[in-house]
Structures are given as structure tokens and as C-alpha cells.
Amino acid sequence: MNRNDTALQPVPLALSLGTFLLIAYFACLVLALVVTDRGLHQPWLQFFPGFAWTPLGILIGAAESFAYGFVSGLVFAPIANFFGVFRSA
């Protein structure tokens, strides 16, 4: 097995992380609707510029969530591959 067989592929990882953060974003929105007035809005204002409880604001937050995960995957995979995290013995 050569090294490329075990290397992380950046784009699939980026898509996976982007999708995961998008699902987590919508789960947090549902939680914020169920458990009201617990100060949950403060992190939204810090991490999601443009977020508001409007349809456009929610879409902006969704796009930002996916973008954060996508960029994280694109950055993480080459770094992990460089350090040989998945190198076989």
C-alpha cells in the first residue's frame, strides 16, 4: 500500500465537514426555537456576521456554516497528510 492510498483527500473531507456544520447549524436553530431566551443568540452574532432571525439571515448563516467547514477540510487534509498521520507501518 503506498502513501497516496491512505492520504486524506481534501475535497471529500471539505464537503463532509461543510455538510456536518450545516446540519449542526440547523440543529442549533431548532434548539434555539425550543429553548428560548437562554442567551443562545450571542455566539450567532459573533461567529455568523449577517445572521438575523429572518429568512435571509438564516440563509447567510447556513452559507457561512458550510463555508467554515469546507475551508477547514481544505486546510486540514494537506496538513494531516504532510505530517503522515495516515502512514502505514
PDB file of N, CA and C in Angstrom:
ATOM      1  N   MET A   1       0.857  -1.178   0.000  1.00  0.00           N
ATOM      2  CA  MET A   1       0.000   0.000   0.000  1.00  0.00           C
ATOM      3  C   MET A   1       0.897   1.233   0.000  1.00  0.00           C
ATOM      4  N   ASN A   2       0.734   2.094  -0.979  1.00  0.00           N
ATOM      5  CA  ASN A   2       1.574   3.295  -0.994  1.00  0.00           C
ATOM      6  C   ASN A   2       0.901   4.431  -0.228  1.00  0.00           C
ATOM      7  N   ARG A   3       1.638   5.478  -0.037  1.00  0.00           N
ATOM      8  CA  ARG A   3       1.189   6.584   0.813  1.00  0.00           C
ATOM      9  C   ARG A   3      -0.073   7.259   0.273  1.00  0.00           C
ATOM     10  N   ASN A   4      -0.235   7.363  -1.036  1.00  0.00           N
ATOM     11  CA  ASN A   4      -1.400   8.027  -1.608  1.00  0.00           C
ATOM     12  C   ASN A   4      -2.688   7.264  -1.355  1.00  0.00           C
ATOM     13  N   ASP A   5      -2.597   5.944  -1.122  1.00  0.00           N
ATOM     14  CA  ASP A   5      -3.792   5.160  -0.834  1.00  0.00           C
ATOM     15  C   ASP A   5      -4.397   5.516   0.518  1.00  0.00           C
ATOM     16  N   THR A   6      -3.573   5.969   1.435  1.00  0.00           N
ATOM     17  CA  THR A   6      -4.056   6.265   2.782  1.00  0.00           C
ATOM     18  C   THR A   6      -4.146   7.758   3.069  1.00  0.00           C
ATOM     19  N   ALA A   7      -3.848   8.594   2.101  1.00  0.00           N
ATOM     20  CA  ALA A   7      -3.874  10.045   2.319  1.00  0.00           C
ATOM     21  C   ALA A   7      -5.309  10.555   2.328  1.00  0.00           C
ATOM     22  N   LEU A   8      -5.538  11.559   3.136  1.00  0.00           N
ATOM     23  CA  LEU A   8      -6.844  12.216   3.141  1.00  0.00           C
ATOM     24  C   LEU A   8      -7.007  13.028   1.865  1.00  0.00           C
ATOM     25  N   GLN A   9      -8.157  12.946   1.255  1.00  0.00           N
ATOM     26  CA  GLN A   9      -8.462  13.738   0.069  1.00  0.00           C
ATOM     27  C   GLN A   9      -9.131  15.031   0.531  1.00  0.00           C
ATOM     28  N   PRO A  10      -8.594  16.196   0.176  1.00  0.00           N
ATOM     29  CA  PRO A  10      -9.114  17.464   0.698  1.00  0.00           C
ATOM     30  C   PRO A  10     -10.563  17.765   0.339  1.00  0.00           C
ATOM     31  N   VAL A  11     -10.965  17.552  -0.896  1.00  0.00           N
ATOM     32  CA  VAL A  11     -12.317  17.950  -1.303  1.00  0.00           C
ATOM     33  C   VAL A  11     -13.399  17.092  -0.628  1.00  0.00           C
ATOM     34  N   PRO A  12     -13.271  15.754  -0.616  1.00  0.00           N
ATOM     35  CA  PRO A  12     -14.301  14.987   0.101  1.00  0.00           C
ATOM     36  C   PRO A  12     -14.359  15.328   1.592  1.00  0.00           C
ATOM     37  N   LEU A  13     -13.207  15.546   2.202  1.00  0.00           N
ATOM     38  CA  LEU A  13     -13.205  15.931   3.611  1.00  0.00           C
ATOM     39  C   LEU A  13     -13.855  17.291   3.787  1.00  0.00           C
ATOM     40  N   ALA A  14     -13.550  18.220   2.901  1.00  0.00           N
ATOM     41  CA  ALA A  14     -14.138  19.561   2.978  1.00  0.00           C
ATOM     42  C   ALA A  14     -15.657  19.501   2.821  1.00  0.00           C
ATOM     43  N   LEU A  15     -16.137  18.722   1.872  1.00  0.00           N
ATOM     44  CA  LEU A  15     -17.581  18.585   1.686  1.00  0.00           C
ATOM     45  C   LEU A  15     -18.239  17.927   2.895  1.00  0.00           C
ATOM     46  N   SER A  16     -17.574  16.948   3.470  1.00  0.00           N
ATOM     47  CA  SER A  16     -18.106  16.270   4.655  1.00  0.00           C
ATOM     48  C   SER A  16     -18.195  17.222   5.841  1.00  0.00           C
ATOM     49  N   LEU A  17     -17.133  17.967   6.093  1.00  0.00           N
ATOM     50  CA  LEU A  17     -17.149  18.907   7.220  1.00  0.00           C
ATOM     51  C   LEU A  17     -18.144  20.036   6.986  1.00  0.00           C
ATOM     52  N   GLY A  18     -18.228  20.524   5.761  1.00  0.00           N
ATOM     53  CA  GLY A  18     -19.196  21.566   5.442  1.00  0.00           C
ATOM     54  C   GLY A  18     -20.616  21.097   5.682  1.00  0.00           C
ATOM     55  N   THR A  19     -20.923  19.890   5.235  1.00  0.00           N
ATOM     56  CA  THR A  19     -22.262  19.328   5.441  1.00  0.00           C
ATOM     57  C   THR A  19     -22.539  19.101   6.919  1.00  0.00           C
ATOM     58  N   PHE A  20     -21.549  18.594   7.650  1.00  0.00           N
ATOM     59  CA  PHE A  20     -21.720  18.378   9.089  1.00  0.00           C
ATOM     60  C   PHE A  20     -22.024  19.691   9.807  1.00  0.00           C
ATOM     61  N   LEU A  21     -21.274  20.744   9.508  1.00  0.00           N
ATOM     62  CA  LEU A  21     -21.521  22.018  10.173  1.00  0.00           C
ATOM     63  C   LEU A  21     -22.852  22.628   9.761  1.00  0.00           C
ATOM     64  N   LEU A  22     -23.288  22.383   8.553  1.00  0.00           N
ATOM     65  CA  LEU A  22     -24.592  22.859   8.106  1.00  0.00           C
ATOM     66  C   LEU A  22     -25.706  22.154   8.874  1.00  0.00           C
ATOM     67  N   ILE A  23     -25.590  20.843   9.059  1.00  0.00           N
ATOM     68  CA  ILE A  23     -26.572  20.097   9.844  1.00  0.00           C
ATOM     69  C   ILE A  23     -26.560  20.571  11.291  1.00  0.00           C
ATOM     70  N   ALA A  24     -25.371  20.774  11.851  1.00  0.00           N
ATOM     71  CA  ALA A  24     -25.269  21.257  13.231  1.00  0.00           C
ATOM     72  C   ALA A  24     -25.877  22.653  13.373  1.00  0.00           C
ATOM     73  N   TYR A  25     -25.690  23.495  12.373  1.00  0.00           N
ATOM     74  CA  TYR A  25     -26.265  24.842  12.373  1.00  0.00           C
ATOM     75  C   TYR A  25     -27.786  24.778  12.469  1.00  0.00           C
ATOM     76  N   PHE A  26     -28.398  23.942  11.613  1.00  0.00           N
ATOM     77  CA  PHE A  26     -29.851  23.834  11.632  1.00  0.00           C
ATOM     78  C   PHE A  26     -30.346  23.187  12.929  1.00  0.00           C
ATOM     79  N   ALA A  27     -29.581  22.251  13.480  1.00  0.00           N
ATOM     80  CA  ALA A  27     -29.946  21.663  14.770  1.00  0.00           C
ATOM     81  C   ALA A  27     -29.914  22.726  15.873  1.00  0.00           C
ATOM     82  N   CYS A  28     -28.942  23.596  15.825  1.00  0.00           N
ATOM     83  CA  CYS A  28     -28.858  24.671  16.814  1.00  0.00           C
ATOM     84  C   CYS A  28     -30.001  25.670  16.643  1.00  0.00           C
ATOM     85  N   LEU A  29     -30.402  25.922  15.409  1.00  0.00           N
ATOM     86  CA  LEU A  29     -31.551  26.796  15.190  1.00  0.00           C
ATOM     87  C   LEU A  29     -32.811  26.200  15.803  1.00  0.00           C
ATOM     88  N   VAL A  30     -33.015  24.911  15.608  1.00  0.00           N
ATOM     89  CA  VAL A  30     -34.181  24.241  16.192  1.00  0.00           C
ATOM     90  C   VAL A  30     -34.102  24.305  17.715  1.00  0.00           C
ATOM     91  N   LEU A  31     -32.926  24.070  18.269  1.00  0.00           N
ATOM     92  CA  LEU A  31     -32.757  24.152  19.718  1.00  0.00           C
ATOM     93  C   LEU A  31     -33.068  25.553  20.225  1.00  0.00           C
ATOM     94  N   ALA A  32     -32.634  26.562  19.491  1.00  0.00           N
ATOM     95  CA  ALA A  32     -32.895  27.946  19.894  1.00  0.00           C
ATOM     96  C   ALA A  32     -34.388  28.258  19.853  1.00  0.00           C
ATOM     97  N   LEU A  33     -35.134  27.593  18.975  1.00  0.00           N
ATOM     98  CA  LEU A  33     -36.581  27.797  18.934  1.00  0.00           C
ATOM     99  C   LEU A  33     -37.294  27.060  20.067  1.00  0.00           C
ATOM    100  N   VAL A  34     -36.752  25.903  20.448  1.00  0.00           N
ATOM    101  CA  VAL A  34     -37.359  25.109  21.521  1.00  0.00           C
ATOM    102  C   VAL A  34     -37.019  25.687  22.887  1.00  0.00           C
ATOM    103  N   VAL A  35     -35.758  26.008  23.109  1.00  0.00           N
ATOM    104  CA  VAL A  35     -35.291  26.552  24.388  1.00  0.00           C
ATOM    105  C   VAL A  35     -35.058  28.046  24.174  1.00  0.00           C
ATOM    106  N   THR A  36     -36.076  28.819  24.429  1.00  0.00           N
ATOM    107  CA  THR A  36     -35.993  30.253  24.142  1.00  0.00           C
ATOM    108  C   THR A  36     -35.338  31.033  25.274  1.00  0.00           C
ATOM    109  N   ASP A  37     -34.810  32.180  24.927  1.00  0.00           N
ATOM    110  CA  ASP A  37     -34.272  33.164  25.870  1.00  0.00           C
ATOM    111  C   ASP A  37     -33.217  32.606  26.824  1.00  0.00           C
ATOM    112  N   ARG A  38     -32.268  31.868  26.287  1.00  0.00           N
ATOM    113  CA  ARG A  38     -31.163  31.353  27.094  1.00  0.00           C
ATOM    114  C   ARG A  38     -29.833  31.978  26.689  1.00  0.00           C
ATOM    115  N   GLY A  39     -29.874  33.067  25.952  1.00  0.00           N
ATOM    116  CA  GLY A  39     -28.645  33.722  25.525  1.00  0.00           C
ATOM    117  C   GLY A  39     -27.952  33.008  24.388  1.00  0.00           C
ATOM    118  N   LEU A  40     -28.660  32.126  23.696  1.00  0.00           N
ATOM    119  CA  LEU A  40     -28.051  31.384  22.596  1.00  0.00           C
ATOM    120  C   LEU A  40     -27.713  32.274  21.407  1.00  0.00           C
ATOM    121  N   HIS A  41     -28.290  33.462  21.352  1.00  0.00           N
ATOM    122  CA  HIS A  41     -28.069  34.334  20.202  1.00  0.00           C
ATOM    123  C   HIS A  41     -26.686  34.978  20.204  1.00  0.00           C
ATOM    124  N   GLN A  42     -26.027  35.052  21.327  1.00  0.00           N
ATOM    125  CA  GLN A  42     -24.732  35.723  21.394  1.00  0.00           C
ATOM    126  C   GLN A  42     -23.671  35.084  20.488  1.00  0.00           C
ATOM    127  N   PRO A  43     -23.481  33.756  20.512  1.00  0.00           N
ATOM    128  CA  PRO A  43     -22.489  33.177  19.592  1.00  0.00           C
ATOM    129  C   PRO A  43     -22.852  33.381  18.126  1.00  0.00           C
ATOM    130  N   TRP A  44     -24.143  33.397  17.809  1.00  0.00           N
ATOM    131  CA  TRP A  44     -24.545  33.607  16.416  1.00  0.00           C
ATOM    132  C   TRP A  44     -24.038  34.965  15.935  1.00  0.00           C
ATOM    133  N   LEU A  45     -24.157  35.957  16.773  1.00  0.00           N
ATOM    134  CA  LEU A  45     -23.743  37.304  16.384  1.00  0.00           C
ATOM    135  C   LEU A  45     -22.223  37.400  16.231  1.00  0.00           C
ATOM    136  N   GLN A  46     -21.489  36.612  17.000  1.00  0.00           N
ATOM    137  CA  GLN A  46     -20.034  36.653  16.931  1.00  0.00           C
ATOM    138  C   GLN A  46     -19.477  35.874  15.742  1.00  0.00           C
ATOM    139  N   PHE A  47     -20.002  34.683  15.494  1.00  0.00           N
ATOM    140  CA  PHE A  47     -19.419  33.786  14.501  1.00  0.00           C
ATOM    141  C   PHE A  47     -20.095  33.839  13.137  1.00  0.00           C
ATOM    142  N   PHE A  48     -21.275  34.433  13.077  1.00  0.00           N
ATOM    143  CA  PHE A  48     -22.010  34.491  11.822  1.00  0.00           C
ATOM    144  C   PHE A  48     -22.395  35.927  11.498  1.00  0.00           C
ATOM    145  N   PRO A  49     -21.464  36.699  10.944  1.00  0.00           N
ATOM    146  CA  PRO A  49     -21.814  38.066  10.565  1.00  0.00           C
ATOM    147  C   PRO A  49     -22.947  38.041   9.536  1.00  0.00           C
ATOM    148  N   GLY A  50     -23.944  38.860   9.754  1.00  0.00           N
ATOM    149  CA  GLY A  50     -25.086  38.894   8.857  1.00  0.00           C
ATOM    150  C   GLY A  50     -26.238  38.033   9.314  1.00  0.00           C
ATOM    151  N   PHE A  51     -26.024  37.231  10.384  1.00  0.00           N
ATOM    152  CA  PHE A  51     -27.107  36.394  10.886  1.00  0.00           C
ATOM    153  C   PHE A  51     -28.169  37.245  11.565  1.00  0.00           C
ATOM    154  N   ALA A  52     -29.399  36.937  11.262  1.00  0.00           N
ATOM    155  CA  ALA A  52     -30.553  37.536  11.930  1.00  0.00           C
ATOM    156  C   ALA A  52     -31.687  36.527  11.825  1.00  0.00           C
ATOM    157  N   TRP A  53     -32.690  36.680  12.649  1.00  0.00           N
ATOM    158  CA  TRP A  53     -33.825  35.760  12.619  1.00  0.00           C
ATOM    159  C   TRP A  53     -34.783  36.144  11.499  1.00  0.00           C
ATOM    160  N   THR A  54     -34.261  36.225  10.309  1.00  0.00           N
ATOM    161  CA  THR A  54     -35.043  36.473   9.100  1.00  0.00           C
ATOM    162  C   THR A  54     -34.658  35.371   8.107  1.00  0.00           C
ATOM    163  N   PRO A  55     -35.478  35.130   7.100  1.00  0.00           N
ATOM    164  CA  PRO A  55     -35.094  34.103   6.116  1.00  0.00           C
ATOM    165  C   PRO A  55     -33.724  34.373   5.476  1.00  0.00           C
ATOM    166  N   LEU A  56     -33.454  35.617   5.115  1.00  0.00           N
ATOM    167  CA  LEU A  56     -32.157  35.941   4.528  1.00  0.00           C
ATOM    168  C   LEU A  56     -31.026  35.739   5.530  1.00  0.00           C
ATOM    169  N   GLY A  57     -31.226  36.167   6.771  1.00  0.00           N
ATOM    170  CA  GLY A  57     -30.197  35.994   7.797  1.00  0.00           C
ATOM    171  C   GLY A  57     -29.898  34.536   8.074  1.00  0.00           C
ATOM    172  N   ILE A  58     -30.925  33.696   8.067  1.00  0.00           N
ATOM    173  CA  ILE A  58     -30.731  32.269   8.293  1.00  0.00           C
ATOM    174  C   ILE A  58     -29.969  31.648   7.124  1.00  0.00           C
ATOM    175  N   LEU A  59     -30.273  32.063   5.903  1.00  0.00           N
ATOM    176  CA  LEU A  59     -29.533  31.565   4.736  1.00  0.00           C
ATOM    177  C   LEU A  59     -28.075  32.015   4.761  1.00  0.00           C
ATOM    178  N   ILE A  60     -27.848  33.245   5.191  1.00  0.00           N
ATOM    179  CA  ILE A  60     -26.467  33.727   5.309  1.00  0.00           C
ATOM    180  C   ILE A  60     -25.708  32.883   6.326  1.00  0.00           C
ATOM    181  N   GLY A  61     -26.325  32.603   7.462  1.00  0.00           N
ATOM    182  CA  GLY A  61     -25.699  31.751   8.476  1.00  0.00           C
ATOM    183  C   GLY A  61     -25.433  30.346   7.963  1.00  0.00           C
ATOM    184  N   ALA A  62     -26.375  29.807   7.177  1.00  0.00           N
ATOM    185  CA  ALA A  62     -26.175  28.468   6.609  1.00  0.00           C
ATOM    186  C   ALA A  62     -24.997  28.459   5.647  1.00  0.00           C
ATOM    187  N   ALA A  63     -24.907  29.470   4.803  1.00  0.00           N
ATOM    188  CA  ALA A  63     -23.785  29.561   3.858  1.00  0.00           C
ATOM    189  C   ALA A  63     -22.463  29.697   4.606  1.00  0.00           C
ATOM    190  N   GLU A  64     -22.455  30.495   5.659  1.00  0.00           N
ATOM    191  CA  GLU A  64     -21.228  30.660   6.445  1.00  0.00           C
ATOM    192  C   GLU A  64     -20.856  29.365   7.155  1.00  0.00           C
ATOM    193  N   SER A  65     -21.829  28.641   7.671  1.00  0.00           N
ATOM    194  CA  SER A  65     -21.547  27.362   8.329  1.00  0.00           C
ATOM    195  C   SER A  65     -20.880  26.397   7.364  1.00  0.00           C
ATOM    196  N   PHE A  66     -21.476  26.261   6.182  1.00  0.00           N
ATOM    197  CA  PHE A  66     -20.897  25.360   5.192  1.00  0.00           C
ATOM    198  C   PHE A  66     -19.506  25.823   4.786  1.00  0.00           C
ATOM    199  N   ALA A  67     -19.335  27.116   4.595  1.00  0.00           N
ATOM    200  CA  ALA A  67     -18.030  27.653   4.189  1.00  0.00           C
ATOM    201  C   ALA A  67     -16.965  27.399   5.254  1.00  0.00           C
ATOM    202  N   TYR A  68     -17.313  27.571   6.539  1.00  0.00           N
ATOM    203  CA  TYR A  68     -16.350  27.310   7.611  1.00  0.00           C
ATOM    204  C   TYR A  68     -15.895  25.857   7.577  1.00  0.00           C
ATOM    205  N   GLY A  69     -16.826  24.932   7.423  1.00  0.00           N
ATOM    206  CA  GLY A  69     -16.460  23.518   7.366  1.00  0.00           C
ATOM    207  C   GLY A  69     -15.666  23.180   6.124  1.00  0.00           C
ATOM    208  N   PHE A  70     -16.060  23.740   4.986  1.00  0.00           N
ATOM    209  CA  PHE A  70     -15.383  23.461   3.726  1.00  0.00           C
ATOM    210  C   PHE A  70     -13.927  23.922   3.777  1.00  0.00           C
ATOM    211  N   VAL A  71     -13.719  25.140   4.223  1.00  0.00           N
ATOM    212  CA  VAL A  71     -12.348  25.678   4.313  1.00  0.00           C
ATOM    213  C   VAL A  71     -11.530  24.881   5.326  1.00  0.00           C
ATOM    214  N   SER A  72     -12.147  24.490   6.434  1.00  0.00           N
ATOM    215  CA  SER A  72     -11.432  23.686   7.432  1.00  0.00           C
ATOM    216  C   SER A  72     -10.941  22.376   6.836  1.00  0.00           C
ATOM    217  N   GLY A  73     -11.786  21.717   6.054  1.00  0.00           N
ATOM    218  CA  GLY A  73     -11.379  20.468   5.417  1.00  0.00           C
ATOM    219  C   GLY A  73     -10.270  20.664   4.404  1.00  0.00           C
ATOM    220  N   LEU A  74     -10.360  21.737   3.619  1.00  0.00           N
ATOM    221  CA  LEU A  74      -9.318  22.015   2.626  1.00  0.00           C
ATOM    222  C   LEU A  74      -7.970  22.303   3.284  1.00  0.00           C
ATOM    223  N   VAL A  75      -8.000  22.889   4.465  1.00  0.00           N
ATOM    224  CA  VAL A  75      -6.756  23.210   5.168  1.00  0.00           C
ATOM    225  C   VAL A  75      -6.244  21.998   5.952  1.00  0.00           C
ATOM    226  N   PHE A  76      -7.161  21.259   6.595  1.00  0.00           N
ATOM    227  CA  PHE A  76      -6.748  20.163   7.469  1.00  0.00           C
ATOM    228  C   PHE A  76      -6.137  18.991   6.711  1.00  0.00           C
ATOM    229  N   ALA A  77      -6.737  18.585   5.598  1.00  0.00           N
ATOM    230  CA  ALA A  77      -6.275  17.384   4.890  1.00  0.00           C
ATOM    231  C   ALA A  77      -4.803  17.469   4.472  1.00  0.00           C
ATOM    232  N   PRO A  78      -4.373  18.545   3.819  1.00  0.00           N
ATOM    233  CA  PRO A  78      -2.950  18.598   3.449  1.00  0.00           C
ATOM    234  C   PRO A  78      -2.013  18.632   4.658  1.00  0.00           C
ATOM    235  N   ILE A  79      -2.451  19.278   5.723  1.00  0.00           N
ATOM    236  CA  ILE A  79      -1.607  19.321   6.923  1.00  0.00           C
ATOM    237  C   ILE A  79      -1.467  17.918   7.516  1.00  0.00           C
ATOM    238  N   ALA A  80      -2.586  17.196   7.624  1.00  0.00           N
ATOM    239  CA  ALA A  80      -2.540  15.831   8.152  1.00  0.00           C
ATOM    240  C   ALA A  80      -1.709  14.932   7.237  1.00  0.00           C
ATOM    241  N   ASN A  81      -1.848  15.091   5.946  1.00  0.00           N
ATOM    242  CA  ASN A  81      -1.060  14.291   5.014  1.00  0.00           C
ATOM    243  C   ASN A  81       0.429  14.626   5.110  1.00  0.00           C
ATOM    244  N   PHE A  82       0.748  15.890   5.308  1.00  0.00           N
ATOM    245  CA  PHE A  82       2.147  16.303   5.436  1.00  0.00           C
ATOM    246  C   PHE A  82       2.816  15.640   6.638  1.00  0.00           C
ATOM    247  N   PHE A  83       2.106  15.602   7.748  1.00  0.00           N
ATOM    248  CA  PHE A  83       2.684  15.025   8.957  1.00  0.00           C
ATOM    249  C   PHE A  83       2.568  13.513   8.995  1.00  0.00           C
ATOM    250  N   GLY A  84       1.973  12.929   7.979  1.00  0.00           N
ATOM    251  CA  GLY A  84       1.942  11.470   7.879  1.00  0.00           C
ATOM    252  C   GLY A  84       1.061  10.789   8.886  1.00  0.00           C
ATOM    253  N   VAL A  85      -0.028  11.411   9.242  1.00  0.00           N
ATOM    254  CA  VAL A  85      -0.925  10.834  10.238  1.00  0.00           C
ATOM    255  C   VAL A  85      -1.428   9.467   9.787  1.00  0.00           C
ATOM    256  N   PHE A  86      -1.619   9.282   8.495  1.00  0.00           N
ATOM    257  CA  PHE A  86      -2.212   8.058   7.988  1.00  0.00           C
ATOM    258  C   PHE A  86      -1.189   7.132   7.315  1.00  0.00           C
ATOM    259  N   ARG A  87       0.051   7.298   7.677  1.00  0.00           N
ATOM    260  CA  ARG A  87       1.112   6.473   7.117  1.00  0.00           C
ATOM    261  C   ARG A  87       1.015   5.058   7.670  1.00  0.00           C
ATOM    262  N   SER A  88       1.114   4.068   6.800  1.00  0.00           N
ATOM    263  CA  SER A  88       1.043   2.674   7.268  1.00  0.00           C
ATOM    264  C   SER A  88       2.414   2.234   7.790  1.00  0.00           C
ATOM    265  N   ALA A  89       2.384   1.308   8.715  1.00  0.00           N
ATOM    266  CA  ALA A  89       3.615   0.847   9.351  1.00  0.00           C
ATOM    267  C   ALA A  89       4.340  -0.192   8.534  1.00  0.00           C
TER     268      ALA A  89
END
